[in-house]
Amino acid sequence: MKFYLLSICFLLIACDPARVASTDPSITRNGRIVFYRGEKFYGLLESKAEELRIVRVTSYKNGLPDGIEKDVHSNGQVLAEREFSAGKKIGTHLGWFPDGKKRFHNEYSEGQFHGPQWEWRNSGSLYSYAKFDHGKVIGKKMWRENGQIYMNFVIYQGRAYGMTGGKLCSQIRGNEDGNTILF
C-alpha cells in the first residue's frame, strides 16, 4: 500500500509541467519549435516584458504552444487569455486593458480568425467589429471615438460593398421645398 501511494505521489509530481523562464540558456528555438535541454519543450514558458510590466505564461507541448496562454500585468490584472492546440490559435481569445476594461474578443479555428472579432478603446467605446470565415473577412465596421462609423462593408462574391473607410461624406437630401440640405 505504501508503494502504491508513493507511486501516485511521484506520478503527480512528474506530471506537473516545468515552468521555465524564456531567458533560460537551455531554451532554444528551431523555427516555431521550442526546445529545452535539447528536447521539445513540455511545460510552461514564462516571458517578461519589463517595459510593459507584463508576464506571459504559455503552455507548451511537443515544442509548440498547446493549452492556455495568459498575459498578466504587474498590478495583477489579466490582460489576455488565449488558447492554442499544436501551435495554432483556437477558441475564444480575450483581452483587457490594465484597468480591467475590455480590449478585444477574437474567435479562432485552426489558427485563423473564424467568427466575430471585437476591439474596444481604452475609453470603453467600441473601435471595430469584424466577421471572419476561416481567415477571410466577410464584413467589418469601425467607429471613431465619437461613435461615428467611418468604415462599414461586407464582402459578397469576392467584392467589397459599403463604405470602406476614410473620408465621410455629408448626406444630401432635399427638403419639402425642393431645396438641398446637408446633414
C-alpha atoms as a PDB file:
ATOM      1  CA  MET A   1       0.000   0.000   0.000  1.00  0.00           C
ATOM      2  CA  LYS A   2       2.837   2.428   0.840  1.00  0.00           C
ATOM      3  CA  PHE A   3       4.466   1.694  -2.527  1.00  0.00           C
ATOM      4  CA  TYR A   4       1.162   2.392  -4.303  1.00  0.00           C
ATOM      5  CA  LEU A   5       0.709   5.781  -2.547  1.00  0.00           C
ATOM      6  CA  LEU A   6       4.357   6.685  -3.155  1.00  0.00           C
ATOM      7  CA  SER A   7       3.922   5.838  -6.859  1.00  0.00           C
ATOM      8  CA  ILE A   8       0.848   8.078  -7.109  1.00  0.00           C
ATOM      9  CA  CYS A   9       2.714  10.954  -5.445  1.00  0.00           C
ATOM     10  CA  PHE A  10       5.637  10.514  -7.837  1.00  0.00           C
ATOM     11  CA  LEU A  11       3.310  10.458 -10.842  1.00  0.00           C
ATOM     12  CA  LEU A  12       1.555  13.626  -9.675  1.00  0.00           C
ATOM     13  CA  ILE A  13       4.865  15.426  -9.256  1.00  0.00           C
ATOM     14  CA  ALA A  14       6.234  14.077 -12.562  1.00  0.00           C
ATOM     15  CA  CYS A  15       3.075  15.164 -14.421  1.00  0.00           C
ATOM     16  CA  ASP A  16       3.352  18.718 -13.166  1.00  0.00           C
ATOM     17  CA  PRO A  17       4.802  20.653 -16.107  1.00  0.00           C
ATOM     18  CA  ALA A  18       8.075  22.508 -15.707  1.00  0.00           C
ATOM     19  CA  ARG A  19       7.947  26.314 -15.506  1.00  0.00           C
ATOM     20  CA  VAL A  20      10.933  27.793 -17.302  1.00  0.00           C
ATOM     21  CA  ALA A  21      11.931  31.397 -17.985  1.00  0.00           C
ATOM     22  CA  SER A  22      12.322  32.300 -21.657  1.00  0.00           C
ATOM     23  CA  THR A  23      15.752  33.715 -20.746  1.00  0.00           C
ATOM     24  CA  ASP A  24      16.987  30.301 -19.537  1.00  0.00           C
ATOM     25  CA  PRO A  25      20.039  29.418 -21.667  1.00  0.00           C
ATOM     26  CA  SER A  26      18.680  25.862 -22.020  1.00  0.00           C
ATOM     27  CA  ILE A  27      15.763  27.220 -24.114  1.00  0.00           C
ATOM     28  CA  THR A  28      16.450  27.154 -27.853  1.00  0.00           C
ATOM     29  CA  ARG A  29      14.269  27.539 -30.928  1.00  0.00           C
ATOM     30  CA  ASN A  30      14.291  25.984 -34.340  1.00  0.00           C
ATOM     31  CA  GLY A  31      11.656  27.760 -36.389  1.00  0.00           C
ATOM     32  CA  ARG A  32       8.424  27.578 -34.411  1.00  0.00           C
ATOM     33  CA  ILE A  33       9.592  24.668 -32.227  1.00  0.00           C
ATOM     34  CA  VAL A  34      10.888  25.413 -28.705  1.00  0.00           C
ATOM     35  CA  PHE A  35      13.450  23.085 -27.156  1.00  0.00           C
ATOM     36  CA  TYR A  36      14.557  22.748 -23.548  1.00  0.00           C
ATOM     37  CA  ARG A  37      17.866  20.994 -22.947  1.00  0.00           C
ATOM     38  CA  GLY A  38      17.730  19.609 -26.486  1.00  0.00           C
ATOM     39  CA  GLU A  39      14.238  18.110 -26.190  1.00  0.00           C
ATOM     40  CA  LYS A  40      10.953  19.502 -27.480  1.00  0.00           C
ATOM     41  CA  PHE A  41       9.621  21.608 -24.639  1.00  0.00           C
ATOM     42  CA  TYR A  42       6.732  20.442 -22.482  1.00  0.00           C
ATOM     43  CA  GLY A  43       5.710  22.830 -19.737  1.00  0.00           C
ATOM     44  CA  LEU A  44       5.096  26.480 -19.031  1.00  0.00           C
ATOM     45  CA  LEU A  45       7.287  29.129 -20.636  1.00  0.00           C
ATOM     46  CA  GLU A  46       7.413  32.437 -18.782  1.00  0.00           C
ATOM     47  CA  SER A  47       8.334  35.589 -20.711  1.00  0.00           C
ATOM     48  CA  LYS A  48       8.636  39.028 -19.183  1.00  0.00           C
ATOM     49  CA  ALA A  49       8.205  42.376 -20.911  1.00  0.00           C
ATOM     50  CA  GLU A  50       9.634  44.576 -18.175  1.00  0.00           C
ATOM     51  CA  GLU A  51       8.969  47.840 -20.034  1.00  0.00           C
ATOM     52  CA  LEU A  52       5.268  46.915 -20.350  1.00  0.00           C
ATOM     53  CA  ARG A  53       5.136  45.353 -16.858  1.00  0.00           C
ATOM     54  CA  ILE A  54       3.704  42.143 -18.327  1.00  0.00           C
ATOM     55  CA  VAL A  55       4.404  38.483 -17.620  1.00  0.00           C
ATOM     56  CA  ARG A  56       3.251  35.989 -20.269  1.00  0.00           C
ATOM     57  CA  VAL A  57       2.931  32.325 -19.371  1.00  0.00           C
ATOM     58  CA  THR A  58       2.404  29.952 -22.301  1.00  0.00           C
ATOM     59  CA  SER A  59       1.674  26.251 -22.055  1.00  0.00           C
ATOM     60  CA  TYR A  60       3.776  24.080 -24.414  1.00  0.00           C
ATOM     61  CA  LYS A  61       3.523  20.509 -25.595  1.00  0.00           C
ATOM     62  CA  ASN A  62       5.903  18.891 -28.088  1.00  0.00           C
ATOM     63  CA  GLY A  63       7.668  22.232 -28.525  1.00  0.00           C
ATOM     64  CA  LEU A  64       4.554  24.140 -29.637  1.00  0.00           C
ATOM     65  CA  PRO A  65       2.071  26.312 -27.760  1.00  0.00           C
ATOM     66  CA  ASP A  66      -0.689  23.992 -26.586  1.00  0.00           C
ATOM     67  CA  GLY A  67      -3.202  24.980 -23.948  1.00  0.00           C
ATOM     68  CA  ILE A  68      -3.703  28.344 -22.304  1.00  0.00           C
ATOM     69  CA  GLU A  69      -1.526  31.425 -22.609  1.00  0.00           C
ATOM     70  CA  LYS A  70      -2.011  34.306 -20.157  1.00  0.00           C
ATOM     71  CA  ASP A  71      -0.628  37.818 -20.035  1.00  0.00           C
ATOM     72  CA  VAL A  72      -0.710  39.354 -16.552  1.00  0.00           C
ATOM     73  CA  HIS A  73       0.070  42.986 -15.696  1.00  0.00           C
ATOM     74  CA  SER A  74       2.201  43.800 -12.652  1.00  0.00           C
ATOM     75  CA  ASN A  75      -0.977  45.137 -10.970  1.00  0.00           C
ATOM     76  CA  GLY A  76      -2.399  41.584 -11.097  1.00  0.00           C
ATOM     77  CA  GLN A  77      -4.884  42.299 -13.890  1.00  0.00           C
ATOM     78  CA  VAL A  78      -5.098  39.539 -16.502  1.00  0.00           C
ATOM     79  CA  LEU A  79      -4.515  41.318 -19.836  1.00  0.00           C
ATOM     80  CA  ALA A  80      -5.120  38.410 -22.211  1.00  0.00           C
ATOM     81  CA  GLU A  81      -6.143  34.766 -22.322  1.00  0.00           C
ATOM     82  CA  ARG A  82      -5.541  32.728 -25.457  1.00  0.00           C
ATOM     83  CA  GLU A  83      -5.853  29.051 -26.314  1.00  0.00           C
ATOM     84  CA  PHE A  84      -3.618  27.011 -28.617  1.00  0.00           C
ATOM     85  CA  SER A  85      -3.652  23.495 -29.991  1.00  0.00           C
ATOM     86  CA  ALA A  86      -0.472  22.137 -31.570  1.00  0.00           C
ATOM     87  CA  GLY A  87       0.774  25.700 -32.143  1.00  0.00           C
ATOM     88  CA  LYS A  88      -2.445  27.014 -33.694  1.00  0.00           C
ATOM     89  CA  LYS A  89      -4.775  29.571 -32.152  1.00  0.00           C
ATOM     90  CA  ILE A  90      -8.188  28.127 -31.335  1.00  0.00           C
ATOM     91  CA  GLY A  91     -11.317  29.146 -29.455  1.00  0.00           C
ATOM     92  CA  THR A  92     -12.067  32.479 -27.867  1.00  0.00           C
ATOM     93  CA  HIS A  93      -9.202  34.904 -27.172  1.00  0.00           C
ATOM     94  CA  LEU A  94      -9.980  37.692 -24.733  1.00  0.00           C
ATOM     95  CA  GLY A  95      -8.063  40.808 -23.764  1.00  0.00           C
ATOM     96  CA  TRP A  96      -8.384  43.606 -21.216  1.00  0.00           C
ATOM     97  CA  PHE A  97      -6.677  46.910 -20.529  1.00  0.00           C
ATOM     98  CA  PRO A  98      -4.680  47.239 -17.266  1.00  0.00           C
ATOM     99  CA  ASP A  99      -7.734  48.868 -15.634  1.00  0.00           C
ATOM    100  CA  GLY A 100      -9.892  45.811 -16.464  1.00  0.00           C
ATOM    101  CA  LYS A 101     -11.889  47.280 -19.366  1.00  0.00           C
ATOM    102  CA  LYS A 102     -12.422  45.055 -22.408  1.00  0.00           C
ATOM    103  CA  ARG A 103      -9.776  45.340 -25.119  1.00  0.00           C
ATOM    104  CA  PHE A 104     -10.519  42.511 -27.595  1.00  0.00           C
ATOM    105  CA  HIS A 105     -12.599  39.413 -28.233  1.00  0.00           C
ATOM    106  CA  ASN A 106     -11.463  37.185 -31.107  1.00  0.00           C
ATOM    107  CA  GLU A 107     -12.635  33.774 -32.268  1.00  0.00           C
ATOM    108  CA  TYR A 108     -10.211  31.313 -33.904  1.00  0.00           C
ATOM    109  CA  SER A 109     -10.340  27.947 -35.615  1.00  0.00           C
ATOM    110  CA  GLU A 110      -7.239  26.067 -36.774  1.00  0.00           C
ATOM    111  CA  GLY A 111      -5.052  29.157 -36.367  1.00  0.00           C
ATOM    112  CA  GLN A 112      -7.280  31.508 -38.354  1.00  0.00           C
ATOM    113  CA  PHE A 113      -9.837  34.132 -37.412  1.00  0.00           C
ATOM    114  CA  HIS A 114     -13.237  32.462 -37.594  1.00  0.00           C
ATOM    115  CA  GLY A 115     -16.343  34.198 -36.302  1.00  0.00           C
ATOM    116  CA  PRO A 116     -16.601  37.582 -34.611  1.00  0.00           C
ATOM    117  CA  GLN A 117     -13.712  39.889 -33.783  1.00  0.00           C
ATOM    118  CA  TRP A 118     -14.316  42.858 -31.451  1.00  0.00           C
ATOM    119  CA  GLU A 119     -11.942  45.650 -30.366  1.00  0.00           C
ATOM    120  CA  TRP A 120     -12.514  48.427 -27.829  1.00  0.00           C
ATOM    121  CA  ARG A 121     -10.667  51.615 -26.995  1.00  0.00           C
ATOM    122  CA  ASN A 122      -9.282  52.209 -23.503  1.00  0.00           C
ATOM    123  CA  SER A 123     -12.152  54.674 -23.023  1.00  0.00           C
ATOM    124  CA  GLY A 124     -14.555  51.736 -23.302  1.00  0.00           C
ATOM    125  CA  SER A 125     -16.002  52.786 -26.659  1.00  0.00           C
ATOM    126  CA  LEU A 126     -16.222  50.237 -29.438  1.00  0.00           C
ATOM    127  CA  TYR A 127     -13.464  50.571 -32.028  1.00  0.00           C
ATOM    128  CA  SER A 128     -14.155  47.763 -34.512  1.00  0.00           C
ATOM    129  CA  TYR A 129     -16.200  44.689 -35.293  1.00  0.00           C
ATOM    130  CA  ALA A 130     -15.404  42.163 -37.998  1.00  0.00           C
ATOM    131  CA  LYS A 131     -16.732  38.787 -39.003  1.00  0.00           C
ATOM    132  CA  PHE A 132     -14.440  36.121 -40.452  1.00  0.00           C
ATOM    133  CA  ASP A 133     -14.957  32.823 -42.232  1.00  0.00           C
ATOM    134  CA  HIS A 134     -11.846  30.624 -41.907  1.00  0.00           C
ATOM    135  CA  GLY A 135      -9.412  33.537 -42.106  1.00  0.00           C
ATOM    136  CA  LYS A 136     -11.289  35.615 -44.684  1.00  0.00           C
ATOM    137  CA  VAL A 137     -13.044  38.812 -43.631  1.00  0.00           C
ATOM    138  CA  ILE A 138     -16.708  38.847 -44.655  1.00  0.00           C
ATOM    139  CA  GLY A 139     -17.594  42.192 -43.124  1.00  0.00           C
ATOM    140  CA  LYS A 140     -16.198  44.956 -40.967  1.00  0.00           C
ATOM    141  CA  LYS A 141     -17.284  48.091 -39.099  1.00  0.00           C
ATOM    142  CA  MET A 142     -15.091  50.718 -37.467  1.00  0.00           C
ATOM    143  CA  TRP A 143     -16.102  53.639 -35.279  1.00  0.00           C
ATOM    144  CA  ARG A 144     -14.484  56.940 -34.425  1.00  0.00           C
ATOM    145  CA  GLU A 145     -14.119  57.861 -30.750  1.00  0.00           C
ATOM    146  CA  ASN A 146     -17.321  59.942 -31.016  1.00  0.00           C
ATOM    147  CA  GLY A 147     -19.295  56.876 -32.136  1.00  0.00           C
ATOM    148  CA  GLN A 148     -19.469  57.821 -35.816  1.00  0.00           C
ATOM    149  CA  ILE A 149     -18.997  54.916 -38.220  1.00  0.00           C
ATOM    150  CA  TYR A 150     -16.184  55.502 -40.705  1.00  0.00           C
ATOM    151  CA  MET A 151     -15.913  52.017 -42.193  1.00  0.00           C
ATOM    152  CA  ASN A 152     -18.761  49.624 -42.874  1.00  0.00           C
ATOM    153  CA  PHE A 153     -18.559  46.969 -45.567  1.00  0.00           C
ATOM    154  CA  VAL A 154     -19.418  43.372 -46.400  1.00  0.00           C
ATOM    155  CA  ILE A 155     -17.732  41.030 -48.847  1.00  0.00           C
ATOM    156  CA  TYR A 156     -20.058  39.347 -51.313  1.00  0.00           C
ATOM    157  CA  GLN A 157     -18.749  37.116 -54.099  1.00  0.00           C
ATOM    158  CA  GLY A 158     -15.226  38.456 -53.576  1.00  0.00           C
ATOM    159  CA  ARG A 159     -16.209  42.125 -53.770  1.00  0.00           C
ATOM    160  CA  ALA A 160     -16.498  44.741 -51.007  1.00  0.00           C
ATOM    161  CA  TYR A 161     -19.798  46.604 -50.730  1.00  0.00           C
ATOM    162  CA  GLY A 162     -20.336  49.595 -48.495  1.00  0.00           C
ATOM    163  CA  MET A 163     -18.193  52.330 -47.078  1.00  0.00           C
ATOM    164  CA  THR A 164     -14.587  51.124 -46.984  1.00  0.00           C
ATOM    165  CA  GLY A 165     -13.185  53.897 -44.831  1.00  0.00           C
ATOM    166  CA  GLY A 166     -11.532  57.249 -44.797  1.00  0.00           C
ATOM    167  CA  LYS A 167     -13.428  60.365 -45.689  1.00  0.00           C
ATOM    168  CA  LEU A 168     -17.042  60.676 -44.649  1.00  0.00           C
ATOM    169  CA  CYS A 169     -19.407  62.364 -46.998  1.00  0.00           C
ATOM    170  CA  SER A 170     -22.240  64.547 -45.786  1.00  0.00           C
ATOM    171  CA  GLN A 171     -25.628  63.190 -46.678  1.00  0.00           C
ATOM    172  CA  ILE A 172     -27.525  65.335 -49.163  1.00  0.00           C
ATOM    173  CA  ARG A 173     -31.289  65.419 -49.110  1.00  0.00           C
ATOM    174  CA  GLY A 174     -33.975  67.649 -50.405  1.00  0.00           C
ATOM    175  CA  ASN A 175     -36.367  69.332 -48.009  1.00  0.00           C
ATOM    176  CA  GLU A 176     -40.098  69.814 -48.617  1.00  0.00           C
ATOM    177  CA  ASP A 177     -39.432  72.993 -50.582  1.00  0.00           C
ATOM    178  CA  GLY A 178     -37.144  71.159 -53.001  1.00  0.00           C
ATOM    179  CA  ASN A 179     -34.006  72.798 -51.615  1.00  0.00           C
ATOM    180  CA  THR A 180     -30.874  70.729 -50.985  1.00  0.00           C
ATOM    181  CA  ILE A 181     -29.787  70.421 -47.371  1.00  0.00           C
ATOM    182  CA  LEU A 182     -26.737  68.774 -45.811  1.00  0.00           C
ATOM    183  CA  PHE A 183     -26.863  66.507 -42.776  1.00  0.00           C
END
